[in-house]
Amino acid sequence: ITMGISLLDCCDPDLKTCCDKIYRKITRCAKDLVKVGEDIEKEFGIPIVNKRISVTPISIVAGSCETDSYVEIAKTLDAAAITCGVNFIGGYSALVSKGMTKADELLIRSIPMALCRTERVCSSVNLASTKTGINMDAVKLMGEILLEVAEQSKDRDSVDCMKLVVFCNAPDDNPFM
């Protein structure tokens, strides 16, 4: 099961304030998610393998922050996921098929560190769409990022790679996890 949470009201120029708003909103909205999932499992006798949270793409939320890295936001997402007891939290994402903002690029460049320093955070980047075309600058950048993610976690069977996906035609409102 996946709970979707909009974080648009968490935007703030101050990174710490933004992180605090994100943590409070996720833990408030998803506080009963795991329990409800377990109740459904008992009622229907069907195991629910993963309980997940998906959030507004972080490049959109973090674009308001005056910072040069979004890793603290990834750590905040991870802390909220752990507090709520979910398996994964998705939305450490950027949608760049129409072009790449400074916030999108900051998020993409922070992916290796974000995945290395978190357990439950999943990341995705939509590079292209049939309608808008392919963002070749983003394709090049993501090639470098993918290699960095694999290299940094090679001593752990490149586990960070399983938490990252690169899309073309990503479905709306459905972040990867």
Protein backbone atom coordinates (compact mmCIF):
# COMPACT_ATOMS: atom_id res chain seq x y z
CA ILE A 1 0.00 0.00 0.00
CA THR A 2 1.16 3.52 -0.70
CA MET A 3 0.03 6.76 0.89
CA GLY A 4 0.56 9.88 -1.20
CA ILE A 5 1.33 13.10 0.67
CA SER A 6 1.60 16.56 -0.86
CA LEU A 7 4.48 18.54 0.62
CA LEU A 8 3.79 21.75 -1.30
CA ASP A 9 2.82 23.52 1.93
CA CYS A 10 6.24 22.63 3.41
CA CYS A 11 8.20 24.94 1.09
CA ASP A 12 10.39 27.40 2.98
CA PRO A 13 13.57 29.36 2.17
CA ASP A 14 15.15 28.07 5.40
CA LEU A 15 16.33 24.46 4.95
CA LYS A 16 15.87 23.52 8.62
CA THR A 17 12.34 24.94 8.70
CA CYS A 18 11.50 23.12 5.46
CA CYS A 19 12.83 19.85 6.90
CA ASP A 20 10.88 20.35 10.14
CA LYS A 21 7.66 20.97 8.18
CA ILE A 22 8.28 17.89 6.03
CA TYR A 23 8.95 15.64 9.02
CA ARG A 24 5.90 16.88 10.96
CA LYS A 25 3.55 16.54 7.98
CA ILE A 26 4.66 13.03 7.02
CA THR A 27 4.62 11.69 10.57
CA ARG A 28 1.20 13.26 11.21
CA CYS A 29 -0.42 12.05 7.99
CA ALA A 30 1.11 8.54 7.97
CA LYS A 31 1.13 7.79 11.68
CA ASP A 32 -1.47 5.01 11.28
CA LEU A 33 -0.47 3.72 7.85
CA VAL A 34 1.33 0.58 9.04
CA LYS A 35 -1.40 -0.29 11.56
CA VAL A 36 -4.12 0.12 8.94
CA GLY A 37 -2.10 -2.06 6.55
CA GLU A 38 -1.74 -4.74 9.21
CA ASP A 39 -5.49 -4.56 9.96
CA ILE A 40 -6.23 -5.06 6.25
CA GLU A 41 -3.86 -8.04 6.19
CA LYS A 42 -5.71 -9.63 9.11
CA GLU A 43 -9.17 -8.89 7.77
CA PHE A 44 -8.55 -10.29 4.28
CA GLY A 45 -5.77 -12.77 5.02
CA ILE A 46 -3.58 -11.24 2.33
CA PRO A 47 -0.04 -10.14 3.16
CA ILE A 48 0.87 -6.58 2.27
CA VAL A 49 4.54 -6.86 1.48
CA ASN A 50 5.42 -3.16 1.56
CA LYS A 51 3.90 -0.17 3.27
CA ARG A 52 5.12 2.96 1.47
CA ILE A 53 4.81 6.71 1.36
CA SER A 54 5.16 8.82 -1.77
CA VAL A 55 5.62 12.57 -1.63
CA THR A 56 5.65 15.55 -3.97
CA PRO A 57 8.86 15.52 -6.03
CA ILE A 58 11.45 17.01 -3.70
CA SER A 59 13.03 19.18 -6.40
CA ILE A 60 9.75 21.13 -6.44
CA VAL A 61 9.53 21.45 -2.65
CA ALA A 62 13.22 22.16 -2.12
CA GLY A 63 13.39 24.74 -4.90
CA SER A 64 12.36 27.35 -2.34
CA CYS A 65 15.29 26.53 -0.01
CA GLU A 66 18.42 28.62 0.07
CA THR A 67 20.93 25.76 0.07
CA ASP A 68 23.40 24.03 -2.21
CA SER A 69 22.46 20.46 -1.24
CA TYR A 70 19.24 18.60 -0.52
CA VAL A 71 20.81 15.70 1.41
CA GLU A 72 19.32 16.99 4.68
CA ILE A 73 15.88 16.68 3.13
CA ALA A 74 16.64 13.07 2.17
CA LYS A 75 17.70 12.39 5.76
CA THR A 76 14.46 14.00 6.96
CA LEU A 77 12.41 11.78 4.64
CA ASP A 78 14.28 8.75 5.95
CA ALA A 79 13.71 9.73 9.58
CA ALA A 80 9.99 10.21 8.91
CA ALA A 81 9.79 6.83 7.16
CA ILE A 82 11.51 5.13 10.08
CA THR A 83 9.24 6.87 12.60
CA CYS A 84 6.15 5.76 10.65
CA GLY A 85 7.51 2.22 10.24
CA VAL A 86 7.15 2.13 6.45
CA ASN A 87 9.44 0.16 4.16
CA PHE A 88 10.08 2.89 1.59
CA ILE A 89 9.50 6.56 0.94
CA GLY A 90 9.54 7.76 -2.65
CA GLY A 91 9.67 11.22 -4.07
CA TYR A 92 13.33 12.19 -3.85
CA SER A 93 12.73 13.01 -7.47
CA ALA A 94 13.06 15.47 -10.32
CA LEU A 95 10.97 15.80 -13.48
CA VAL A 96 13.30 17.21 -16.13
CA SER A 97 11.90 16.17 -19.51
CA LYS A 98 10.92 19.80 -20.24
CA GLY A 99 14.17 21.26 -18.90
CA MET A 100 16.22 21.31 -15.76
CA THR A 101 15.90 24.01 -13.11
CA LYS A 102 18.65 24.77 -10.60
CA ALA A 103 16.62 22.83 -8.02
CA ASP A 104 16.36 19.81 -10.33
CA GLU A 105 20.11 19.83 -10.94
CA LEU A 106 20.87 20.20 -7.21
CA LEU A 107 18.64 17.24 -6.44
CA ILE A 108 20.15 15.09 -9.17
CA ARG A 109 23.71 15.88 -8.08
CA SER A 110 22.78 15.02 -4.48
CA ILE A 111 21.31 11.58 -5.30
CA PRO A 112 24.48 9.54 -4.63
CA MET A 113 25.00 11.10 -1.20
CA ALA A 114 21.28 11.00 -0.38
CA LEU A 115 20.99 7.29 -1.15
CA CYS A 116 24.24 6.50 0.65
CA ARG A 117 23.07 8.21 3.84
CA THR A 118 19.53 6.86 3.96
CA GLU A 119 17.91 3.43 4.23
CA ARG A 120 14.37 3.86 2.93
CA VAL A 121 14.54 6.80 0.52
CA CYS A 122 13.90 6.03 -3.16
CA SER A 123 14.84 8.40 -5.95
CA SER A 124 13.67 8.87 -9.51
CA VAL A 125 14.33 11.19 -12.41
CA ASN A 126 12.09 11.53 -15.45
CA LEU A 127 14.41 12.46 -18.34
CA ALA A 128 12.10 12.34 -21.33
CA SER A 129 8.59 12.00 -22.65
CA THR A 130 7.03 11.23 -25.97
CA LYS A 131 5.35 14.62 -25.88
CA THR A 132 8.26 16.87 -24.81
CA GLY A 133 11.29 14.94 -26.06
CA ILE A 134 14.55 13.93 -24.40
CA ASN A 135 16.57 16.20 -22.12
CA MET A 136 20.03 15.17 -23.33
CA ASP A 137 21.84 17.29 -20.72
CA ALA A 138 19.96 15.39 -18.03
CA VAL A 139 20.69 12.06 -19.74
CA LYS A 140 24.42 12.80 -19.64
CA LEU A 141 24.26 13.93 -16.01
CA MET A 142 22.25 10.87 -14.94
CA GLY A 143 24.76 8.56 -16.64
CA GLU A 144 27.45 10.06 -14.40
CA ILE A 145 25.19 9.86 -11.34
CA LEU A 146 24.31 6.20 -11.97
CA LEU A 147 27.99 5.30 -12.16
CA GLU A 148 28.67 7.20 -8.93
CA VAL A 149 25.78 5.47 -7.13
CA ALA A 150 27.01 2.03 -8.24
CA GLU A 151 30.60 2.80 -7.30
CA GLN A 152 29.82 4.18 -3.86
CA SER A 153 27.82 1.11 -2.84
CA LYS A 154 29.87 -1.59 -4.61
CA ASP A 155 31.02 -3.00 -1.27
CA ARG A 156 27.31 -3.48 -0.43
CA ASP A 157 26.37 -5.21 -3.72
CA SER A 158 25.56 -1.78 -5.23
CA VAL A 159 22.38 -1.74 -3.11
CA ASP A 160 21.84 1.98 -3.61
CA CYS A 161 21.12 1.30 -7.29
CA MET A 162 17.91 -0.52 -6.39
CA LYS A 163 16.59 2.70 -4.86
CA LEU A 164 17.05 4.74 -8.05
CA VAL A 165 15.21 4.68 -11.35
CA VAL A 166 15.50 6.77 -14.49
CA PHE A 167 12.26 7.19 -16.42
CA CYS A 168 10.98 8.11 -19.80
CA ASN A 169 7.23 8.79 -19.77
CA ALA A 170 6.97 8.49 -15.99
CA PRO A 171 3.35 8.04 -14.95
CA ASP A 172 1.91 11.12 -13.23
CA ASP A 173 1.63 11.07 -9.46
CA ASN A 174 3.36 7.71 -9.15
CA PRO A 175 6.94 8.07 -7.88
CA PHE A 176 9.20 5.06 -8.03
CA MET A 177 9.77 2.92 -4.97
